[in-house]
Amino acid sequence: MQTLSNKLSRQEKTRNDKLIEIVEEIERLEENIRRLKIEFDIYFNGGLKVPPHKSRARIEARIMRINGDRTLSFANRYKLNAIMSRYTSFKQLWRRKLKANGDDVY
């Protein structure tokens, strides 16, 4: 019987570790979006010569990876959707500004 409880406790620990990892990944995504917003602000104010398209591509890849995870809880899914909504609004704003400046629109 001891083996069964150990196996169940290991499974529970693995599940909890995965949940903690997902929460940390969502928090990192939120921080990276904040940094990307700052990079675009610097670009539009003349501090950078090229828009930060590589950072944007990395964030979009991370969003797709997290969004594809089927083990997200409802709370994590809700937070991720809120972050994705905010990112989409930033992306539309940046696209309009790039178009107004005559830069390449991504």
N, C-alpha and C. Protein backbone atom coordinates (compact mmCIF):
# COMPACT_ATOMS: atom_id res chain seq x y z
N MET A 1 0.81 -1.18 0.00
CA MET A 1 0.00 0.00 0.00
C MET A 1 0.86 1.26 0.00
N GLN A 2 2.02 1.17 0.62
CA GLN A 2 2.92 2.30 0.67
C GLN A 2 3.35 2.72 -0.73
N THR A 3 3.57 1.78 -1.63
CA THR A 3 3.99 2.08 -2.99
C THR A 3 2.93 2.89 -3.71
N LEU A 4 1.67 2.56 -3.51
CA LEU A 4 0.58 3.27 -4.16
C LEU A 4 0.53 4.73 -3.72
N SER A 5 0.66 4.96 -2.42
CA SER A 5 0.61 6.34 -1.94
C SER A 5 1.81 7.13 -2.45
N ASN A 6 2.96 6.49 -2.57
CA ASN A 6 4.13 7.17 -3.11
C ASN A 6 3.92 7.52 -4.57
N LYS A 7 3.34 6.59 -5.32
CA LYS A 7 3.08 6.85 -6.73
C LYS A 7 2.08 7.99 -6.89
N LEU A 8 1.03 7.96 -6.09
CA LEU A 8 0.03 9.03 -6.16
C LEU A 8 0.61 10.37 -5.72
N SER A 9 1.43 10.35 -4.70
CA SER A 9 2.03 11.62 -4.25
C SER A 9 3.01 12.15 -5.30
N ARG A 10 3.73 11.27 -5.98
CA ARG A 10 4.63 11.71 -7.05
C ARG A 10 3.83 12.31 -8.20
N GLN A 11 2.72 11.68 -8.56
CA GLN A 11 1.88 12.21 -9.63
C GLN A 11 1.32 13.58 -9.25
N GLU A 12 0.88 13.72 -8.02
CA GLU A 12 0.35 15.00 -7.55
C GLU A 12 1.43 16.07 -7.56
N LYS A 13 2.63 15.70 -7.14
CA LYS A 13 3.74 16.65 -7.14
C LYS A 13 4.07 17.08 -8.56
N THR A 14 4.07 16.14 -9.49
CA THR A 14 4.35 16.45 -10.89
C THR A 14 3.27 17.39 -11.44
N ARG A 15 2.02 17.13 -11.12
CA ARG A 15 0.92 17.98 -11.57
C ARG A 15 1.04 19.39 -11.00
N ASN A 16 1.37 19.49 -9.72
CA ASN A 16 1.54 20.80 -9.08
C ASN A 16 2.73 21.56 -9.68
N ASP A 17 3.81 20.85 -9.96
CA ASP A 17 4.97 21.49 -10.58
C ASP A 17 4.61 22.05 -11.95
N LYS A 18 3.83 21.30 -12.71
CA LYS A 18 3.43 21.76 -14.04
C LYS A 18 2.54 23.01 -13.93
N LEU A 19 1.64 23.04 -12.97
CA LEU A 19 0.79 24.21 -12.78
C LEU A 19 1.61 25.44 -12.41
N ILE A 20 2.58 25.26 -11.53
CA ILE A 20 3.46 26.36 -11.14
C ILE A 20 4.26 26.84 -12.34
N GLU A 21 4.73 25.91 -13.16
CA GLU A 21 5.49 26.26 -14.36
C GLU A 21 4.63 27.07 -15.33
N ILE A 22 3.37 26.70 -15.50
CA ILE A 22 2.48 27.42 -16.39
C ILE A 22 2.23 28.84 -15.88
N VAL A 23 2.00 28.98 -14.59
CA VAL A 23 1.78 30.31 -14.01
C VAL A 23 3.01 31.18 -14.22
N GLU A 24 4.19 30.63 -14.00
CA GLU A 24 5.43 31.40 -14.20
C GLU A 24 5.60 31.78 -15.67
N GLU A 25 5.25 30.89 -16.58
CA GLU A 25 5.35 31.17 -18.01
C GLU A 25 4.41 32.31 -18.40
N ILE A 26 3.20 32.32 -17.86
CA ILE A 26 2.25 33.40 -18.15
C ILE A 26 2.77 34.73 -17.60
N GLU A 27 3.36 34.70 -16.41
CA GLU A 27 3.92 35.92 -15.83
C GLU A 27 5.10 36.44 -16.66
N ARG A 28 5.94 35.52 -17.14
CA ARG A 28 7.06 35.93 -18.02
C ARG A 28 6.54 36.54 -19.31
N LEU A 29 5.47 35.95 -19.86
CA LEU A 29 4.87 36.47 -21.09
C LEU A 29 4.38 37.89 -20.87
N GLU A 30 3.72 38.12 -19.75
CA GLU A 30 3.22 39.46 -19.44
C GLU A 30 4.38 40.46 -19.32
N GLU A 31 5.45 40.06 -18.69
CA GLU A 31 6.63 40.92 -18.56
C GLU A 31 7.27 41.19 -19.92
N ASN A 32 7.35 40.18 -20.78
CA ASN A 32 7.93 40.36 -22.11
C ASN A 32 7.08 41.29 -22.98
N ILE A 33 5.77 41.23 -22.84
CA ILE A 33 4.90 42.14 -23.59
C ILE A 33 5.13 43.57 -23.11
N ARG A 34 5.29 43.75 -21.82
CA ARG A 34 5.58 45.08 -21.28
C ARG A 34 6.89 45.62 -21.84
N ARG A 35 7.90 44.76 -21.91
CA ARG A 35 9.20 45.17 -22.47
C ARG A 35 9.09 45.49 -23.96
N LEU A 36 8.30 44.70 -24.69
CA LEU A 36 8.12 44.96 -26.12
C LEU A 36 7.43 46.30 -26.33
N LYS A 37 6.47 46.61 -25.49
CA LYS A 37 5.79 47.91 -25.59
C LYS A 37 6.81 49.04 -25.40
N ILE A 38 7.70 48.87 -24.45
CA ILE A 38 8.74 49.88 -24.21
C ILE A 38 9.66 49.98 -25.42
N GLU A 39 10.04 48.85 -26.01
CA GLU A 39 10.90 48.86 -27.20
C GLU A 39 10.22 49.59 -28.36
N PHE A 40 8.94 49.34 -28.57
CA PHE A 40 8.23 50.04 -29.64
C PHE A 40 8.12 51.54 -29.33
N ASP A 41 7.90 51.89 -28.07
CA ASP A 41 7.86 53.31 -27.71
C ASP A 41 9.20 53.97 -28.00
N ILE A 42 10.27 53.30 -27.67
CA ILE A 42 11.61 53.83 -27.96
C ILE A 42 11.79 53.97 -29.46
N TYR A 43 11.36 52.98 -30.23
CA TYR A 43 11.49 53.05 -31.69
C TYR A 43 10.70 54.23 -32.25
N PHE A 44 9.45 54.40 -31.82
CA PHE A 44 8.62 55.48 -32.36
C PHE A 44 9.11 56.85 -31.92
N ASN A 45 9.84 56.93 -30.83
CA ASN A 45 10.41 58.20 -30.39
C ASN A 45 11.80 58.45 -30.97
N GLY A 46 12.28 57.56 -31.83
CA GLY A 46 13.53 57.78 -32.53
C GLY A 46 14.75 57.17 -31.89
N GLY A 47 14.61 56.38 -30.86
CA GLY A 47 15.75 55.79 -30.17
C GLY A 47 16.30 54.55 -30.86
N LEU A 48 15.49 53.85 -31.62
CA LEU A 48 15.93 52.66 -32.36
C LEU A 48 15.75 52.91 -33.85
N LYS A 49 16.63 52.32 -34.65
CA LYS A 49 16.55 52.52 -36.09
C LYS A 49 15.59 51.54 -36.76
N VAL A 50 15.43 50.36 -36.18
CA VAL A 50 14.53 49.36 -36.75
C VAL A 50 13.52 48.91 -35.70
N PRO A 51 12.31 48.59 -36.14
CA PRO A 51 11.31 48.11 -35.17
C PRO A 51 11.72 46.76 -34.58
N PRO A 52 11.29 46.46 -33.37
CA PRO A 52 11.70 45.20 -32.71
C PRO A 52 10.85 44.00 -33.16
N HIS A 53 10.97 43.64 -34.44
CA HIS A 53 10.18 42.54 -34.99
C HIS A 53 10.60 41.18 -34.42
N LYS A 54 11.87 41.01 -34.09
CA LYS A 54 12.31 39.72 -33.55
C LYS A 54 11.69 39.46 -32.17
N SER A 55 11.64 40.48 -31.35
CA SER A 55 11.01 40.33 -30.04
C SER A 55 9.53 40.02 -30.19
N ARG A 56 8.89 40.67 -31.14
CA ARG A 56 7.47 40.44 -31.40
C ARG A 56 7.24 39.00 -31.85
N ALA A 57 8.10 38.49 -32.70
CA ALA A 57 7.96 37.11 -33.19
C ALA A 57 8.15 36.10 -32.04
N ARG A 58 9.11 36.37 -31.15
CA ARG A 58 9.31 35.47 -30.01
C ARG A 58 8.08 35.46 -29.10
N ILE A 59 7.51 36.62 -28.88
CA ILE A 59 6.32 36.69 -28.01
C ILE A 59 5.15 35.96 -28.65
N GLU A 60 4.96 36.13 -29.95
CA GLU A 60 3.85 35.45 -30.62
C GLU A 60 4.04 33.93 -30.58
N ALA A 61 5.28 33.47 -30.72
CA ALA A 61 5.54 32.03 -30.63
C ALA A 61 5.24 31.53 -29.21
N ARG A 62 5.61 32.30 -28.22
CA ARG A 62 5.33 31.91 -26.83
C ARG A 62 3.83 31.89 -26.56
N ILE A 63 3.11 32.86 -27.10
CA ILE A 63 1.65 32.89 -26.93
C ILE A 63 1.04 31.64 -27.53
N MET A 64 1.45 31.28 -28.73
CA MET A 64 0.91 30.09 -29.39
C MET A 64 1.22 28.82 -28.59
N ARG A 65 2.43 28.75 -28.04
CA ARG A 65 2.81 27.56 -27.27
C ARG A 65 1.98 27.45 -25.99
N ILE A 66 1.81 28.55 -25.28
CA ILE A 66 1.03 28.50 -24.05
C ILE A 66 -0.44 28.26 -24.35
N ASN A 67 -0.95 28.91 -25.38
CA ASN A 67 -2.36 28.78 -25.73
C ASN A 67 -2.70 27.36 -26.18
N GLY A 68 -1.74 26.66 -26.73
CA GLY A 68 -1.97 25.29 -27.18
C GLY A 68 -1.95 24.26 -26.07
N ASP A 69 -1.58 24.67 -24.88
CA ASP A 69 -1.51 23.76 -23.74
C ASP A 69 -2.92 23.44 -23.25
N ARG A 70 -3.29 22.18 -23.31
CA ARG A 70 -4.65 21.77 -22.94
C ARG A 70 -4.83 21.59 -21.43
N THR A 71 -3.77 21.71 -20.67
CA THR A 71 -3.87 21.50 -19.23
C THR A 71 -4.09 22.80 -18.45
N LEU A 72 -4.33 23.91 -19.16
CA LEU A 72 -4.54 25.18 -18.46
C LEU A 72 -5.84 25.14 -17.67
N SER A 73 -5.78 25.66 -16.47
CA SER A 73 -7.00 25.77 -15.68
C SER A 73 -7.83 26.94 -16.22
N PHE A 74 -9.06 27.05 -15.76
CA PHE A 74 -9.90 28.15 -16.21
C PHE A 74 -9.31 29.50 -15.81
N ALA A 75 -8.76 29.58 -14.63
CA ALA A 75 -8.17 30.84 -14.16
C ALA A 75 -6.97 31.22 -15.03
N ASN A 76 -6.11 30.24 -15.32
CA ASN A 76 -4.94 30.52 -16.17
C ASN A 76 -5.36 30.87 -17.58
N ARG A 77 -6.37 30.18 -18.10
CA ARG A 77 -6.87 30.47 -19.45
C ARG A 77 -7.45 31.89 -19.49
N TYR A 78 -8.17 32.28 -18.45
CA TYR A 78 -8.75 33.63 -18.38
C TYR A 78 -7.64 34.68 -18.38
N LYS A 79 -6.62 34.48 -17.56
CA LYS A 79 -5.51 35.43 -17.50
C LYS A 79 -4.77 35.49 -18.83
N LEU A 80 -4.56 34.33 -19.46
CA LEU A 80 -3.89 34.30 -20.75
C LEU A 80 -4.71 35.05 -21.80
N ASN A 81 -6.02 34.85 -21.81
CA ASN A 81 -6.87 35.55 -22.78
C ASN A 81 -6.84 37.05 -22.56
N ALA A 82 -6.78 37.49 -21.31
CA ALA A 82 -6.68 38.93 -21.03
C ALA A 82 -5.35 39.48 -21.54
N ILE A 83 -4.28 38.74 -21.34
CA ILE A 83 -2.97 39.17 -21.83
C ILE A 83 -2.96 39.20 -23.36
N MET A 84 -3.54 38.18 -23.98
CA MET A 84 -3.59 38.13 -25.44
C MET A 84 -4.42 39.29 -26.00
N SER A 85 -5.48 39.64 -25.34
CA SER A 85 -6.31 40.75 -25.78
C SER A 85 -5.53 42.06 -25.71
N ARG A 86 -4.82 42.27 -24.63
CA ARG A 86 -4.02 43.48 -24.49
C ARG A 86 -2.91 43.52 -25.54
N TYR A 87 -2.28 42.38 -25.79
CA TYR A 87 -1.22 42.31 -26.79
C TYR A 87 -1.78 42.61 -28.19
N THR A 88 -2.97 42.10 -28.48
CA THR A 88 -3.58 42.35 -29.78
C THR A 88 -3.87 43.83 -29.98
N SER A 89 -4.33 44.49 -28.95
CA SER A 89 -4.59 45.93 -29.07
C SER A 89 -3.28 46.70 -29.28
N PHE A 90 -2.21 46.30 -28.59
CA PHE A 90 -0.90 46.92 -28.82
C PHE A 90 -0.45 46.68 -30.26
N LYS A 91 -0.63 45.46 -30.73
CA LYS A 91 -0.19 45.10 -32.07
C LYS A 91 -0.91 45.94 -33.14
N GLN A 92 -2.20 46.14 -32.95
CA GLN A 92 -2.95 46.97 -33.89
C GLN A 92 -2.47 48.42 -33.85
N LEU A 93 -2.19 48.93 -32.67
CA LEU A 93 -1.68 50.28 -32.52
C LEU A 93 -0.33 50.42 -33.23
N TRP A 94 0.57 49.46 -33.00
CA TRP A 94 1.89 49.51 -33.62
C TRP A 94 1.78 49.42 -35.14
N ARG A 95 0.87 48.59 -35.63
CA ARG A 95 0.69 48.46 -37.08
C ARG A 95 0.24 49.79 -37.68
N ARG A 96 -0.71 50.45 -37.02
CA ARG A 96 -1.19 51.75 -37.52
C ARG A 96 -0.08 52.79 -37.50
N LYS A 97 0.72 52.81 -36.43
CA LYS A 97 1.82 53.78 -36.35
C LYS A 97 2.88 53.51 -37.41
N LEU A 98 3.20 52.22 -37.62
CA LEU A 98 4.18 51.88 -38.65
C LEU A 98 3.68 52.29 -40.02
N LYS A 99 2.41 52.06 -40.27
CA LYS A 99 1.83 52.43 -41.56
C LYS A 99 1.85 53.95 -41.74
N ALA A 100 1.55 54.69 -40.69
CA ALA A 100 1.57 56.16 -40.76
C ALA A 100 2.97 56.69 -40.99
N ASN A 101 3.98 56.00 -40.44
CA ASN A 101 5.37 56.43 -40.63
C ASN A 101 5.93 56.01 -41.98
N GLY A 102 5.19 55.17 -42.71
CA GLY A 102 5.68 54.70 -44.00
C GLY A 102 6.61 53.52 -43.88
N ASP A 103 6.71 52.91 -42.70
CA ASP A 103 7.57 51.75 -42.51
C ASP A 103 6.86 50.51 -43.02
N ASP A 104 7.61 49.43 -43.11
CA ASP A 104 7.01 48.15 -43.50
C ASP A 104 6.05 47.70 -42.43
N VAL A 105 4.87 47.30 -42.83
CA VAL A 105 3.89 46.80 -41.89
C VAL A 105 4.07 45.29 -41.82
N TYR A 106 4.13 44.75 -40.61
CA TYR A 106 4.34 43.32 -40.45
C TYR A 106 3.07 42.58 -40.49
